[in-house]
């Protein structure tokens, strides 16, 4: 599970670096890659694993709003 959690976390971070898959919609009042402006969300990504599961997530509250 450790390897799976690491692979999942790497995939999420690669998604940030590539600007999304499919590409994230731009934000009119900002330049650059959406969701990477302050790197707050990207740097909050963590992984967890135990014997039965592997999880990747964040504790940043606005992440749910950005997902919709």
N, C-alpha and C. Protein backbone atom coordinates (compact mmCIF):
# COMPACT_ATOMS: atom_id res chain seq x y z
N UNK A 1 0.82 -1.20 0.00
CA UNK A 1 0.00 0.00 0.00
C UNK A 1 0.87 1.27 0.00
N UNK A 2 2.04 1.18 0.60
CA UNK A 2 2.92 2.34 0.62
C UNK A 2 3.25 2.79 -0.80
N UNK A 3 3.59 1.84 -1.64
CA UNK A 3 3.93 2.15 -3.03
C UNK A 3 2.74 2.76 -3.77
N UNK A 4 1.56 2.21 -3.55
CA UNK A 4 0.35 2.73 -4.18
C UNK A 4 0.07 4.16 -3.74
N UNK A 5 0.19 4.43 -2.44
CA UNK A 5 -0.03 5.79 -1.93
C UNK A 5 0.96 6.76 -2.55
N UNK A 6 2.22 6.35 -2.67
CA UNK A 6 3.23 7.21 -3.29
C UNK A 6 2.94 7.46 -4.76
N UNK A 7 2.49 6.44 -5.46
CA UNK A 7 2.14 6.59 -6.88
C UNK A 7 0.96 7.53 -7.04
N UNK A 8 -0.04 7.38 -6.19
CA UNK A 8 -1.22 8.25 -6.26
C UNK A 8 -0.84 9.71 -5.97
N UNK A 9 -0.02 9.93 -4.94
CA UNK A 9 0.39 11.29 -4.61
C UNK A 9 1.19 11.90 -5.75
N UNK A 10 2.08 11.13 -6.34
CA UNK A 10 2.86 11.63 -7.49
C UNK A 10 1.96 12.00 -8.65
N UNK A 11 0.92 11.20 -8.91
CA UNK A 11 -0.01 11.49 -10.00
C UNK A 11 -0.75 12.80 -9.76
N UNK A 12 -1.16 13.05 -8.52
CA UNK A 12 -1.86 14.29 -8.19
C UNK A 12 -0.92 15.48 -8.40
N UNK A 13 0.31 15.38 -7.93
CA UNK A 13 1.27 16.48 -8.09
C UNK A 13 1.61 16.72 -9.56
N UNK A 14 1.72 15.66 -10.35
CA UNK A 14 1.95 15.82 -11.79
C UNK A 14 0.77 16.52 -12.44
N UNK A 15 -0.43 16.26 -11.94
CA UNK A 15 -1.61 16.93 -12.46
C UNK A 15 -1.53 18.43 -12.21
N UNK A 16 -1.07 18.83 -11.04
CA UNK A 16 -0.87 20.25 -10.76
C UNK A 16 0.16 20.84 -11.72
N UNK A 17 1.27 20.15 -11.89
CA UNK A 17 2.35 20.67 -12.74
C UNK A 17 1.94 20.80 -14.20
N UNK A 18 1.05 19.93 -14.66
CA UNK A 18 0.63 19.97 -16.07
C UNK A 18 -0.57 20.88 -16.29
N UNK A 19 -1.16 21.40 -15.22
CA UNK A 19 -2.32 22.28 -15.37
C UNK A 19 -3.63 21.54 -15.50
N UNK A 20 -3.66 20.29 -15.09
CA UNK A 20 -4.90 19.51 -15.10
C UNK A 20 -5.01 18.58 -16.28
N UNK A 21 -5.81 17.54 -16.10
CA UNK A 21 -6.11 16.59 -17.18
C UNK A 21 -7.58 16.25 -17.10
N UNK A 22 -8.42 16.85 -17.90
CA UNK A 22 -8.12 17.84 -18.95
C UNK A 22 -7.70 19.16 -18.31
N UNK A 23 -7.19 20.07 -19.12
CA UNK A 23 -6.68 21.35 -18.62
C UNK A 23 -7.74 22.07 -17.80
N UNK A 24 -7.30 22.66 -16.68
CA UNK A 24 -8.22 23.42 -15.84
C UNK A 24 -8.59 24.71 -16.53
N UNK A 25 -9.80 25.12 -16.32
CA UNK A 25 -10.30 26.38 -16.87
C UNK A 25 -9.53 27.54 -16.23
N UNK A 26 -9.15 28.52 -17.03
CA UNK A 26 -8.42 29.68 -16.53
C UNK A 26 -9.26 30.56 -15.63
N UNK A 27 -8.60 31.39 -14.87
CA UNK A 27 -9.27 32.35 -14.00
C UNK A 27 -9.02 33.73 -14.57
N UNK A 28 -10.09 34.48 -14.80
CA UNK A 28 -9.98 35.76 -15.49
C UNK A 28 -9.08 36.76 -14.79
N UNK A 29 -9.09 36.80 -13.47
CA UNK A 29 -8.34 37.82 -12.74
C UNK A 29 -6.91 37.40 -12.39
N UNK A 30 -6.48 36.25 -12.87
CA UNK A 30 -5.12 35.79 -12.57
C UNK A 30 -4.43 35.30 -13.83
N UNK A 31 -3.13 35.31 -13.78
CA UNK A 31 -2.33 34.73 -14.85
C UNK A 31 -1.65 33.49 -14.30
N UNK A 32 -1.15 32.67 -15.18
CA UNK A 32 -0.45 31.47 -14.75
C UNK A 32 -1.37 30.27 -14.68
N UNK A 33 -0.89 29.22 -14.05
CA UNK A 33 -1.62 27.96 -13.96
C UNK A 33 -2.66 28.03 -12.85
N UNK A 34 -3.93 27.73 -13.16
CA UNK A 34 -4.95 27.70 -12.11
C UNK A 34 -4.58 26.71 -11.01
N UNK A 35 -4.94 27.05 -9.79
CA UNK A 35 -4.71 26.23 -8.59
C UNK A 35 -3.25 26.11 -8.18
N UNK A 36 -2.36 26.84 -8.84
CA UNK A 36 -0.94 26.78 -8.48
C UNK A 36 -0.43 28.17 -8.10
N UNK A 37 -1.27 29.17 -8.18
CA UNK A 37 -0.88 30.56 -7.96
C UNK A 37 -0.08 30.74 -6.66
N UNK A 38 -0.61 30.27 -5.55
CA UNK A 38 0.08 30.42 -4.26
C UNK A 38 0.79 29.13 -3.83
N UNK A 39 0.53 28.04 -4.52
CA UNK A 39 1.05 26.71 -4.19
C UNK A 39 0.54 26.19 -2.86
N UNK A 40 -0.42 26.90 -2.24
CA UNK A 40 -0.98 26.46 -0.96
C UNK A 40 -1.67 25.10 -1.10
N UNK A 41 -2.52 24.97 -2.10
CA UNK A 41 -3.24 23.71 -2.29
C UNK A 41 -2.28 22.59 -2.69
N UNK A 42 -1.42 22.87 -3.65
CA UNK A 42 -0.49 21.85 -4.12
C UNK A 42 0.43 21.35 -3.00
N UNK A 43 0.91 22.24 -2.16
CA UNK A 43 1.84 21.83 -1.10
C UNK A 43 1.13 21.14 0.06
N UNK A 44 -0.21 21.18 0.07
CA UNK A 44 -0.95 20.53 1.15
C UNK A 44 -1.30 19.07 0.84
N UNK A 45 -0.99 18.60 -0.36
CA UNK A 45 -1.33 17.23 -0.74
C UNK A 45 -0.51 16.24 0.08
N UNK A 46 -1.19 15.31 0.71
CA UNK A 46 -0.53 14.29 1.51
C UNK A 46 -1.11 12.92 1.17
N UNK A 47 -0.39 11.89 1.53
CA UNK A 47 -0.88 10.53 1.33
C UNK A 47 -0.86 9.79 2.66
N UNK A 48 -1.69 8.77 2.73
CA UNK A 48 -1.79 7.92 3.91
C UNK A 48 -2.02 6.49 3.42
N UNK A 49 -1.49 5.55 4.14
CA UNK A 49 -1.75 4.15 3.80
C UNK A 49 -1.75 3.31 5.07
N UNK A 50 -2.45 2.20 5.00
CA UNK A 50 -2.37 1.17 6.02
C UNK A 50 -2.39 -0.18 5.31
N UNK A 51 -2.67 -1.23 6.01
CA UNK A 51 -2.64 -2.56 5.40
C UNK A 51 -3.71 -2.77 4.33
N UNK A 52 -4.80 -2.00 4.41
CA UNK A 52 -5.95 -2.24 3.53
C UNK A 52 -6.29 -1.10 2.58
N UNK A 53 -5.67 0.07 2.72
CA UNK A 53 -6.08 1.20 1.89
C UNK A 53 -4.95 2.19 1.67
N UNK A 54 -5.14 2.99 0.63
CA UNK A 54 -4.22 4.08 0.32
C UNK A 54 -5.07 5.30 -0.03
N UNK A 55 -4.75 6.44 0.54
CA UNK A 55 -5.52 7.66 0.34
C UNK A 55 -4.60 8.82 0.00
N UNK A 56 -5.11 9.75 -0.79
CA UNK A 56 -4.42 11.01 -1.07
C UNK A 56 -5.44 12.11 -0.88
N UNK A 57 -5.02 13.20 -0.23
CA UNK A 57 -5.97 14.28 0.00
C UNK A 57 -5.30 15.53 0.50
N UNK A 58 -6.13 16.45 0.97
CA UNK A 58 -5.68 17.74 1.48
C UNK A 58 -6.59 18.16 2.62
N UNK A 59 -6.08 19.03 3.48
CA UNK A 59 -6.91 19.61 4.52
C UNK A 59 -7.31 21.04 4.18
N UNK A 60 -7.03 21.48 2.96
CA UNK A 60 -7.39 22.83 2.52
C UNK A 60 -8.89 22.85 2.24
N UNK A 61 -9.61 23.71 2.94
CA UNK A 61 -11.07 23.73 2.88
C UNK A 61 -11.58 24.06 1.49
N UNK A 62 -10.97 25.00 0.79
CA UNK A 62 -11.52 25.42 -0.51
C UNK A 62 -11.27 24.40 -1.61
N UNK A 63 -10.57 23.33 -1.35
CA UNK A 63 -10.31 22.31 -2.37
C UNK A 63 -11.60 21.71 -2.90
N UNK A 64 -12.59 21.52 -2.04
CA UNK A 64 -13.87 20.97 -2.47
C UNK A 64 -14.55 21.90 -3.46
N UNK A 65 -14.51 23.20 -3.21
CA UNK A 65 -15.12 24.17 -4.11
C UNK A 65 -14.44 24.17 -5.47
N UNK A 66 -13.13 24.02 -5.50
CA UNK A 66 -12.40 24.01 -6.76
C UNK A 66 -12.66 22.74 -7.56
N UNK A 67 -13.09 21.69 -6.91
CA UNK A 67 -13.35 20.43 -7.59
C UNK A 67 -14.64 20.47 -8.39
N UNK A 68 -15.61 21.25 -7.96
CA UNK A 68 -16.92 21.26 -8.62
C UNK A 68 -16.95 22.09 -9.86
